[in-house]
Structure formats: structure tokens, C-alpha cells
Amino acid sequence: MRRWTIINGILVIMVVLLGFEIARTWGRVLPAIDTAPRAGSPDQPHEKGGGKKGGGDKAAAARAQQQPPVLVAAIGDKDLFDPTRRPPAVD
């Protein structure tokens, strides 16, 4: 009977610590996110070109021109679990 008391005591301590960590995580305040559009700065790293698929630079340039609020609104308006969803077509 003593073994079960020790095991249950350890489990209770683990549950209490886990509950404390969950409460601490949910009580945290998230930092503010800067969504201001940034101009292309020269210190940004350049990606290597010449991947396996040709024409990837055009799609990357089109995605880079869209602003984050526009992307968030576009993603939020779509149904996440719609079975007809497909990746955007590359022009």
C-alpha cells in the first residue's frame, strides 16, 4: 500500500506543476507585433537562385509585394478545411 501512496503523491505533484505552468503560460501578455511595411533594405540576405524548378523568382516576387494585413485578411476569409482548396496557380 505504501508504494501506491508514493506513486500517487508523485503524480499529484506532477499534475500541480503542470497546472501551474499552464496557468503561467495563459496569463502571459503577448508582445506587440510591428506590421508596418518595410522598404527593401540592402542588408537583407539574398536567396540563392536556380532551384530545381524554373521561374520561382516570379512567384516569390509576387508574394513579397503583398502586405501582411492583406495576407492575414485573405487567409482569414478562406475556409481552412474546404476540400477544394489548392495552392495558388503560378503565372
PDB file of N, CA and C in Angstrom:
ATOM      1  N   MET A   1       0.815  -1.190   0.000  1.00  0.00           N
ATOM      2  CA  MET A   1       0.000   0.000   0.000  1.00  0.00           C
ATOM      3  C   MET A   1       0.862   1.259   0.000  1.00  0.00           C
ATOM      4  N   ARG A   2       2.036   1.177   0.587  1.00  0.00           N
ATOM      5  CA  ARG A   2       2.918   2.337   0.673  1.00  0.00           C
ATOM      6  C   ARG A   2       3.422   2.750  -0.717  1.00  0.00           C
ATOM      7  N   ARG A   3       3.671   1.767  -1.599  1.00  0.00           N
ATOM      8  CA  ARG A   3       4.119   2.083  -2.946  1.00  0.00           C
ATOM      9  C   ARG A   3       3.084   2.925  -3.698  1.00  0.00           C
ATOM     10  N   TRP A   4       1.807   2.560  -3.573  1.00  0.00           N
ATOM     11  CA  TRP A   4       0.751   3.301  -4.264  1.00  0.00           C
ATOM     12  C   TRP A   4       0.654   4.728  -3.736  1.00  0.00           C
ATOM     13  N   THR A   5       0.874   4.934  -2.479  1.00  0.00           N
ATOM     14  CA  THR A   5       0.834   6.283  -1.907  1.00  0.00           C
ATOM     15  C   THR A   5       1.969   7.129  -2.479  1.00  0.00           C
ATOM     16  N   ILE A   6       3.142   6.546  -2.604  1.00  0.00           N
ATOM     17  CA  ILE A   6       4.280   7.279  -3.158  1.00  0.00           C
ATOM     18  C   ILE A   6       4.039   7.607  -4.629  1.00  0.00           C
ATOM     19  N   ILE A   7       3.568   6.637  -5.396  1.00  0.00           N
ATOM     20  CA  ILE A   7       3.298   6.863  -6.824  1.00  0.00           C
ATOM     21  C   ILE A   7       2.216   7.923  -6.993  1.00  0.00           C
ATOM     22  N   ASN A   8       1.139   7.840  -6.226  1.00  0.00           N
ATOM     23  CA  ASN A   8       0.065   8.834  -6.316  1.00  0.00           C
ATOM     24  C   ASN A   8       0.557  10.215  -5.889  1.00  0.00           C
ATOM     25  N   GLY A   9       1.412  10.266  -4.895  1.00  0.00           N
ATOM     26  CA  GLY A   9       1.974  11.551  -4.464  1.00  0.00           C
ATOM     27  C   GLY A   9       2.806  12.191  -5.560  1.00  0.00           C
ATOM     28  N   ILE A  10       3.631  11.380  -6.227  1.00  0.00           N
ATOM     29  CA  ILE A  10       4.441  11.896  -7.337  1.00  0.00           C
ATOM     30  C   ILE A  10       3.547  12.377  -8.479  1.00  0.00           C
ATOM     31  N   LEU A  11       2.503  11.629  -8.791  1.00  0.00           N
ATOM     32  CA  LEU A  11       1.580  12.031  -9.856  1.00  0.00           C
ATOM     33  C   LEU A  11       0.848  13.327  -9.503  1.00  0.00           C
ATOM     34  N   VAL A  12       0.458  13.484  -8.245  1.00  0.00           N
ATOM     35  CA  VAL A  12      -0.216  14.717  -7.821  1.00  0.00           C
ATOM     36  C   VAL A  12       0.725  15.910  -7.965  1.00  0.00           C
ATOM     37  N   ILE A  13       1.984  15.728  -7.579  1.00  0.00           N
ATOM     38  CA  ILE A  13       2.959  16.809  -7.717  1.00  0.00           C
ATOM     39  C   ILE A  13       3.146  17.181  -9.184  1.00  0.00           C
ATOM     40  N   MET A  14       3.213  16.181 -10.065  1.00  0.00           N
ATOM     41  CA  MET A  14       3.366  16.450 -11.495  1.00  0.00           C
ATOM     42  C   MET A  14       2.160  17.200 -12.051  1.00  0.00           C
ATOM     43  N   VAL A  15       0.966  16.824 -11.651  1.00  0.00           N
ATOM     44  CA  VAL A  15      -0.242  17.487 -12.135  1.00  0.00           C
ATOM     45  C   VAL A  15      -0.292  18.928 -11.642  1.00  0.00           C
ATOM     46  N   VAL A  16       0.085  19.161 -10.397  1.00  0.00           N
ATOM     47  CA  VAL A  16       0.080  20.520  -9.853  1.00  0.00           C
ATOM     48  C   VAL A  16       1.099  21.387 -10.598  1.00  0.00           C
ATOM     49  N   LEU A  17       2.295  20.863 -10.842  1.00  0.00           N
ATOM     50  CA  LEU A  17       3.300  21.630 -11.573  1.00  0.00           C
ATOM     51  C   LEU A  17       2.858  21.908 -13.015  1.00  0.00           C
ATOM     52  N   LEU A  18       2.252  20.928 -13.645  1.00  0.00           N
ATOM     53  CA  LEU A  18       1.760  21.127 -14.998  1.00  0.00           C
ATOM     54  C   LEU A  18       0.660  22.187 -15.022  1.00  0.00           C
ATOM     55  N   GLY A  19      -0.255  22.137 -14.077  1.00  0.00           N
ATOM     56  CA  GLY A  19      -1.315  23.151 -13.985  1.00  0.00           C
ATOM     57  C   GLY A  19      -0.738  24.538 -13.749  1.00  0.00           C
ATOM     58  N   PHE A  20       0.303  24.621 -12.926  1.00  0.00           N
ATOM     59  CA  PHE A  20       0.944  25.906 -12.668  1.00  0.00           C
ATOM     60  C   PHE A  20       1.580  26.456 -13.945  1.00  0.00           C
ATOM     61  N   GLU A  21       2.268  25.617 -14.698  1.00  0.00           N
ATOM     62  CA  GLU A  21       2.895  26.054 -15.942  1.00  0.00           C
ATOM     63  C   GLU A  21       1.853  26.477 -16.976  1.00  0.00           C
ATOM     64  N   ILE A  22       0.751  25.765 -17.051  1.00  0.00           N
ATOM     65  CA  ILE A  22      -0.318  26.130 -17.988  1.00  0.00           C
ATOM     66  C   ILE A  22      -0.910  27.476 -17.607  1.00  0.00           C
ATOM     67  N   ALA A  23      -1.170  27.693 -16.326  1.00  0.00           N
ATOM     68  CA  ALA A  23      -1.715  28.973 -15.868  1.00  0.00           C
ATOM     69  C   ALA A  23      -0.739  30.111 -16.140  1.00  0.00           C
ATOM     70  N   ARG A  24       0.539  29.861 -15.953  1.00  0.00           N
ATOM     71  CA  ARG A  24       1.550  30.889 -16.217  1.00  0.00           C
ATOM     72  C   ARG A  24       1.630  31.220 -17.704  1.00  0.00           C
ATOM     73  N   THR A  25       1.518  30.204 -18.541  1.00  0.00           N
ATOM     74  CA  THR A  25       1.572  30.421 -19.984  1.00  0.00           C
ATOM     75  C   THR A  25       0.364  31.210 -20.466  1.00  0.00           C
ATOM     76  N   TRP A  26      -0.824  30.857 -20.019  1.00  0.00           N
ATOM     77  CA  TRP A  26      -2.033  31.549 -20.453  1.00  0.00           C
ATOM     78  C   TRP A  26      -2.125  32.953 -19.874  1.00  0.00           C
ATOM     79  N   GLY A  27      -1.459  33.219 -18.779  1.00  0.00           N
ATOM     80  CA  GLY A  27      -1.509  34.538 -18.158  1.00  0.00           C
ATOM     81  C   GLY A  27      -0.523  35.520 -18.744  1.00  0.00           C
ATOM     82  N   ARG A  28       0.374  35.049 -19.595  1.00  0.00           N
ATOM     83  CA  ARG A  28       1.384  35.916 -20.190  1.00  0.00           C
ATOM     84  C   ARG A  28       0.770  36.876 -21.201  1.00  0.00           C
ATOM     85  N   VAL A  29       1.321  38.071 -21.299  1.00  0.00           N
ATOM     86  CA  VAL A  29       0.880  39.049 -22.284  1.00  0.00           C
ATOM     87  C   VAL A  29       1.768  38.908 -23.514  1.00  0.00           C
ATOM     88  N   LEU A  30       1.147  38.860 -24.676  1.00  0.00           N
ATOM     89  CA  LEU A  30       1.899  38.728 -25.915  1.00  0.00           C
ATOM     90  C   LEU A  30       2.526  40.061 -26.296  1.00  0.00           C
ATOM     91  N   PRO A  31       3.718  40.044 -26.853  1.00  0.00           N
ATOM     92  CA  PRO A  31       4.342  41.297 -27.280  1.00  0.00           C
ATOM     93  C   PRO A  31       3.628  41.862 -28.502  1.00  0.00           C
ATOM     94  N   ALA A  32       3.705  43.179 -28.654  1.00  0.00           N
ATOM     95  CA  ALA A  32       3.091  43.830 -29.814  1.00  0.00           C
ATOM     96  C   ALA A  32       3.874  43.449 -31.070  1.00  0.00           C
ATOM     97  N   ILE A  33       3.140  43.245 -32.167  1.00  0.00           N
ATOM     98  CA  ILE A  33       3.757  42.858 -33.430  1.00  0.00           C
ATOM     99  C   ILE A  33       3.765  44.074 -34.341  1.00  0.00           C
ATOM    100  N   ASP A  34       4.917  44.395 -34.885  1.00  0.00           N
ATOM    101  CA  ASP A  34       5.055  45.516 -35.803  1.00  0.00           C
ATOM    102  C   ASP A  34       4.641  45.057 -37.190  1.00  0.00           C
ATOM    103  N   THR A  35       3.537  45.617 -37.709  1.00  0.00           N
ATOM    104  CA  THR A  35       3.055  45.229 -39.033  1.00  0.00           C
ATOM    105  C   THR A  35       3.277  46.324 -40.057  1.00  0.00           C
ATOM    106  N   ALA A  36       4.124  47.299 -39.748  1.00  0.00           N
ATOM    107  CA  ALA A  36       4.409  48.375 -40.703  1.00  0.00           C
ATOM    108  C   ALA A  36       5.169  47.804 -41.892  1.00  0.00           C
ATOM    109  N   PRO A  37       4.817  48.236 -43.094  1.00  0.00           N
ATOM    110  CA  PRO A  37       5.532  47.726 -44.269  1.00  0.00           C
ATOM    111  C   PRO A  37       6.976  48.215 -44.252  1.00  0.00           C
ATOM    112  N   ARG A  38       7.880  47.328 -44.608  1.00  0.00           N
ATOM    113  CA  ARG A  38       9.296  47.666 -44.620  1.00  0.00           C
ATOM    114  C   ARG A  38       9.765  47.874 -46.049  1.00  0.00           C
ATOM    115  N   ALA A  39      10.600  48.851 -46.232  1.00  0.00           N
ATOM    116  CA  ALA A  39      11.209  49.054 -47.543  1.00  0.00           C
ATOM    117  C   ALA A  39      12.335  48.044 -47.694  1.00  0.00           C
ATOM    118  N   GLY A  40      12.623  47.665 -48.908  1.00  0.00           N
ATOM    119  CA  GLY A  40      13.705  46.702 -49.141  1.00  0.00           C
ATOM    120  C   GLY A  40      15.035  47.293 -48.687  1.00  0.00           C
ATOM    121  N   SER A  41      15.624  46.703 -47.686  1.00  0.00           N
ATOM    122  CA  SER A  41      16.888  47.216 -47.184  1.00  0.00           C
ATOM    123  C   SER A  41      18.035  46.405 -47.778  1.00  0.00           C
ATOM    124  N   PRO A  42      19.193  47.043 -47.982  1.00  0.00           N
ATOM    125  CA  PRO A  42      20.301  46.324 -48.604  1.00  0.00           C
ATOM    126  C   PRO A  42      20.921  45.264 -47.710  1.00  0.00           C
ATOM    127  N   ASP A  43      20.637  45.287 -46.396  1.00  0.00           N
ATOM    128  CA  ASP A  43      21.256  44.317 -45.507  1.00  0.00           C
ATOM    129  C   ASP A  43      20.458  43.015 -45.398  1.00  0.00           C
ATOM    130  N   GLN A  44      19.362  42.890 -46.154  1.00  0.00           N
ATOM    131  CA  GLN A  44      18.595  41.653 -46.128  1.00  0.00           C
ATOM    132  C   GLN A  44      19.349  40.586 -46.921  1.00  0.00           C
ATOM    133  N   PRO A  45      19.372  39.342 -46.415  1.00  0.00           N
ATOM    134  CA  PRO A  45      20.081  38.289 -47.149  1.00  0.00           C
ATOM    135  C   PRO A  45      19.350  37.937 -48.433  1.00  0.00           C
ATOM    136  N   HIS A  46      20.121  37.628 -49.442  1.00  0.00           N
ATOM    137  CA  HIS A  46      19.553  37.238 -50.726  1.00  0.00           C
ATOM    138  C   HIS A  46      19.465  35.726 -50.793  1.00  0.00           C
ATOM    139  N   GLU A  47      18.354  35.253 -51.381  1.00  0.00           N
ATOM    140  CA  GLU A  47      18.197  33.814 -51.532  1.00  0.00           C
ATOM    141  C   GLU A  47      18.934  33.362 -52.782  1.00  0.00           C
ATOM    142  N   LYS A  48      19.385  32.136 -52.759  1.00  0.00           N
ATOM    143  CA  LYS A  48      20.065  31.581 -53.918  1.00  0.00           C
ATOM    144  C   LYS A  48      19.052  31.326 -55.018  1.00  0.00           C
ATOM    145  N   GLY A  49      19.414  31.621 -56.215  1.00  0.00           N
ATOM    146  CA  GLY A  49      18.547  31.356 -57.353  1.00  0.00           C
ATOM    147  C   GLY A  49      18.910  30.018 -57.962  1.00  0.00           C
ATOM    148  N   GLY A  50      18.156  29.621 -58.946  1.00  0.00           N
ATOM    149  CA  GLY A  50      18.497  28.416 -59.691  1.00  0.00           C
ATOM    150  C   GLY A  50      18.103  27.147 -58.979  1.00  0.00           C
ATOM    151  N   GLY A  51      16.905  27.093 -58.457  1.00  0.00           N
ATOM    152  CA  GLY A  51      16.439  25.870 -57.836  1.00  0.00           C
ATOM    153  C   GLY A  51      16.114  24.837 -58.899  1.00  0.00           C
ATOM    154  N   LYS A  52      15.502  23.769 -58.504  1.00  0.00           N
ATOM    155  CA  LYS A  52      15.171  22.708 -59.457  1.00  0.00           C
ATOM    156  C   LYS A  52      14.077  23.153 -60.414  1.00  0.00           C
ATOM    157  N   LYS A  53      13.147  23.976 -59.921  1.00  0.00           N
ATOM    158  CA  LYS A  53      12.058  24.441 -60.771  1.00  0.00           C
ATOM    159  C   LYS A  53      12.404  25.835 -61.280  1.00  0.00           C
ATOM    160  N   GLY A  54      12.208  26.081 -62.543  1.00  0.00           N
ATOM    161  CA  GLY A  54      12.488  27.390 -63.112  1.00  0.00           C
ATOM    162  C   GLY A  54      11.323  28.332 -62.895  1.00  0.00           C
ATOM    163  N   GLY A  55      11.593  29.631 -62.862  1.00  0.00           N
ATOM    164  CA  GLY A  55      10.531  30.621 -62.735  1.00  0.00           C
ATOM    165  C   GLY A  55      10.051  30.814 -61.317  1.00  0.00           C
ATOM    166  N   GLY A  56      10.741  30.353 -60.332  1.00  0.00           N
ATOM    167  CA  GLY A  56      10.327  30.521 -58.943  1.00  0.00           C
ATOM    168  C   GLY A  56      10.488  31.943 -58.461  1.00  0.00           C
ATOM    169  N   ASP A  57      11.343  32.727 -59.119  1.00  0.00           N
ATOM    170  CA  ASP A  57      11.574  34.103 -58.703  1.00  0.00           C
ATOM    171  C   ASP A  57      10.343  34.969 -58.939  1.00  0.00           C
ATOM    172  N   LYS A  58       9.597  34.698 -59.990  1.00  0.00           N
ATOM    173  CA  LYS A  58       8.398  35.486 -60.276  1.00  0.00           C
ATOM    174  C   LYS A  58       7.346  35.291 -59.185  1.00  0.00           C
ATOM    175  N   ALA A  59       7.148  34.057 -58.766  1.00  0.00           N
ATOM    176  CA  ALA A  59       6.169  33.774 -57.722  1.00  0.00           C
ATOM    177  C   ALA A  59       6.618  34.365 -56.396  1.00  0.00           C
ATOM    178  N   ALA A  60       7.914  34.283 -56.115  1.00  0.00           N
ATOM    179  CA  ALA A  60       8.427  34.845 -54.865  1.00  0.00           C
ATOM    180  C   ALA A  60       8.285  36.360 -54.869  1.00  0.00           C
ATOM    181  N   ALA A  61       8.500  36.998 -56.006  1.00  0.00           N
ATOM    182  CA  ALA A  61       8.362  38.446 -56.090  1.00  0.00           C
ATOM    183  C   ALA A  61       6.905  38.860 -55.906  1.00  0.00           C
ATOM    184  N   ALA A  62       5.974  38.087 -56.449  1.00  0.00           N
ATOM    185  CA  ALA A  62       4.564  38.413 -56.291  1.00  0.00           C
ATOM    186  C   ALA A  62       4.131  38.275 -54.843  1.00  0.00           C
ATOM    187  N   ARG A  63       4.641  37.246 -54.154  1.00  0.00           N
ATOM    188  CA  ARG A  63       4.303  37.072 -52.743  1.00  0.00           C
ATOM    189  C   ARG A  63       4.943  38.147 -51.876  1.00  0.00           C
ATOM    190  N   ALA A  64       6.133  38.591 -52.243  1.00  0.00           N
ATOM    191  CA  ALA A  64       6.851  39.582 -51.445  1.00  0.00           C
ATOM    192  C   ALA A  64       6.194  40.947 -51.530  1.00  0.00           C
ATOM    193  N   GLN A  65       5.481  41.233 -52.609  1.00  0.00           N
ATOM    194  CA  GLN A  65       4.851  42.535 -52.778  1.00  0.00           C
ATOM    195  C   GLN A  65       3.596  42.686 -51.944  1.00  0.00           C
ATOM    196  N   GLN A  66       2.956  41.619 -51.522  1.00  0.00           N
ATOM    197  CA  GLN A  66       1.734  41.707 -50.736  1.00  0.00           C
ATOM    198  C   GLN A  66       2.073  42.095 -49.305  1.00  0.00           C
ATOM    199  N   GLN A  67       1.239  42.913 -48.706  1.00  0.00           N
ATOM    200  CA  GLN A  67       1.449  43.385 -47.352  1.00  0.00           C
ATOM    201  C   GLN A  67       0.878  42.372 -46.358  1.00  0.00           C
ATOM    202  N   PRO A  68       1.450  42.266 -45.153  1.00  0.00           N
ATOM    203  CA  PRO A  68       0.961  41.306 -44.159  1.00  0.00           C
ATOM    204  C   PRO A  68      -0.524  41.453 -43.806  1.00  0.00           C
ATOM    205  N   PRO A  69      -1.080  42.669 -43.620  1.00  0.00           N
ATOM    206  CA  PRO A  69      -2.516  42.733 -43.314  1.00  0.00           C
ATOM    207  C   PRO A  69      -3.388  42.169 -44.432  1.00  0.00           C
ATOM    208  N   VAL A  70      -2.953  42.367 -45.678  1.00  0.00           N
ATOM    209  CA  VAL A  70      -3.703  41.826 -46.812  1.00  0.00           C
ATOM    210  C   VAL A  70      -3.653  40.306 -46.780  1.00  0.00           C
ATOM    211  N   LEU A  71      -2.484  39.748 -46.492  1.00  0.00           N
ATOM    212  CA  LEU A  71      -2.345  38.293 -46.423  1.00  0.00           C
ATOM    213  C   LEU A  71      -3.176  37.717 -45.277  1.00  0.00           C
ATOM    214  N   VAL A  72      -3.159  38.370 -44.127  1.00  0.00           N
ATOM    215  CA  VAL A  72      -3.933  37.889 -42.980  1.00  0.00           C
ATOM    216  C   VAL A  72      -5.415  37.901 -43.303  1.00  0.00           C
ATOM    217  N   ALA A  73      -5.905  38.974 -43.934  1.00  0.00           N
ATOM    218  CA  ALA A  73      -7.326  39.052 -44.295  1.00  0.00           C
ATOM    219  C   ALA A  73      -7.690  37.982 -45.307  1.00  0.00           C
ATOM    220  N   ALA A  74      -6.809  37.748 -46.288  1.00  0.00           N
ATOM    221  CA  ALA A  74      -7.094  36.740 -47.315  1.00  0.00           C
ATOM    222  C   ALA A  74      -7.132  35.341 -46.718  1.00  0.00           C
ATOM    223  N   ILE A  75      -6.221  35.051 -45.811  1.00  0.00           N
ATOM    224  CA  ILE A  75      -6.189  33.730 -45.185  1.00  0.00           C
ATOM    225  C   ILE A  75      -7.376  33.552 -44.251  1.00  0.00           C
ATOM    226  N   GLY A  76      -7.723  34.596 -43.506  1.00  0.00           N
ATOM    227  CA  GLY A  76      -8.831  34.512 -42.556  1.00  0.00           C
ATOM    228  C   GLY A  76     -10.177  34.324 -43.222  1.00  0.00           C
ATOM    229  N   ASP A  77     -10.330  34.827 -44.457  1.00  0.00           N
ATOM    230  CA  ASP A  77     -11.610  34.709 -45.162  1.00  0.00           C
ATOM    231  C   ASP A  77     -11.831  33.329 -45.764  1.00  0.00           C
ATOM    232  N   LYS A  78     -10.780  32.546 -45.887  1.00  0.00           N
ATOM    233  CA  LYS A  78     -10.908  31.235 -46.522  1.00  0.00           C
ATOM    234  C   LYS A  78     -11.315  30.168 -45.501  1.00  0.00           C
ATOM    235  N   ASP A  79     -12.010  29.152 -45.991  1.00  0.00           N
ATOM    236  CA  ASP A  79     -12.365  28.016 -45.161  1.00  0.00           C
ATOM    237  C   ASP A  79     -11.159  27.078 -45.114  1.00  0.00           C
ATOM    238  N   LEU A  80     -10.639  26.851 -43.917  1.00  0.00           N
ATOM    239  CA  LEU A  80      -9.418  26.085 -43.755  1.00  0.00           C
ATOM    240  C   LEU A  80      -9.580  24.629 -44.196  1.00  0.00           C
ATOM    241  N   PHE A  81     -10.735  24.053 -43.956  1.00  0.00           N
ATOM    242  CA  PHE A  81     -10.936  22.628 -44.217  1.00  0.00           C
ATOM    243  C   PHE A  81     -11.760  22.360 -45.468  1.00  0.00           C
ATOM    244  N   ASP A  82     -11.802  23.298 -46.384  1.00  0.00           N
ATOM    245  CA  ASP A  82     -12.524  23.112 -47.633  1.00  0.00           C
ATOM    246  C   ASP A  82     -11.746  22.123 -48.503  1.00  0.00           C
ATOM    247  N   PRO A  83     -12.359  21.008 -48.915  1.00  0.00           N
ATOM    248  CA  PRO A  83     -11.621  20.002 -49.685  1.00  0.00           C
ATOM    249  C   PRO A  83     -11.229  20.479 -51.084  1.00  0.00           C
ATOM    250  N   THR A  84     -11.807  21.576 -51.578  1.00  0.00           N
ATOM    251  CA  THR A  84     -11.479  22.055 -52.917  1.00  0.00           C
ATOM    252  C   THR A  84     -10.303  23.033 -52.910  1.00  0.00           C
ATOM    253  N   ARG A  85      -9.711  23.309 -51.754  1.00  0.00           N
ATOM    254  CA  ARG A  85      -8.595  24.254 -51.685  1.00  0.00           C
ATOM    255  C   ARG A  85      -7.373  23.680 -52.397  1.00  0.00           C
ATOM    256  N   ARG A  86      -6.712  24.511 -53.141  1.00  0.00           N
ATOM    257  CA  ARG A  86      -5.492  24.155 -53.862  1.00  0.00           C
ATOM    258  C   ARG A  86      -4.484  25.286 -53.688  1.00  0.00           C
ATOM    259  N   PRO A  87      -3.208  25.007 -53.881  1.00  0.00           N
ATOM    260  CA  PRO A  87      -2.210  26.081 -53.840  1.00  0.00           C
ATOM    261  C   PRO A  87      -2.466  27.071 -54.965  1.00  0.00           C
ATOM    262  N   PRO A  88      -2.041  28.336 -54.796  1.00  0.00           N
ATOM    263  CA  PRO A  88      -2.271  29.317 -55.875  1.00  0.00           C
ATOM    264  C   PRO A  88      -1.513  28.934 -57.132  1.00  0.00           C
ATOM    265  N   ALA A  89      -2.123  29.220 -58.248  1.00  0.00           N
ATOM    266  CA  ALA A  89      -1.507  28.899 -59.536  1.00  0.00           C
ATOM    267  C   ALA A  89      -0.366  29.850 -59.807  1.00  0.00           C
ATOM    268  N   VAL A  90       0.734  29.325 -60.318  1.00  0.00           N
ATOM    269  CA  VAL A  90       1.889  30.146 -60.647  1.00  0.00           C
ATOM    270  C   VAL A  90       1.723  30.639 -62.082  1.00  0.00           C
ATOM    271  N   ASP A  91       1.773  31.957 -62.262  1.00  0.00           N
ATOM    272  CA  ASP A  91       1.605  32.537 -63.601  1.00  0.00           C
ATOM    273  C   ASP A  91       2.923  32.634 -64.307  1.00  0.00           C
TER     274      ASP A  91
END
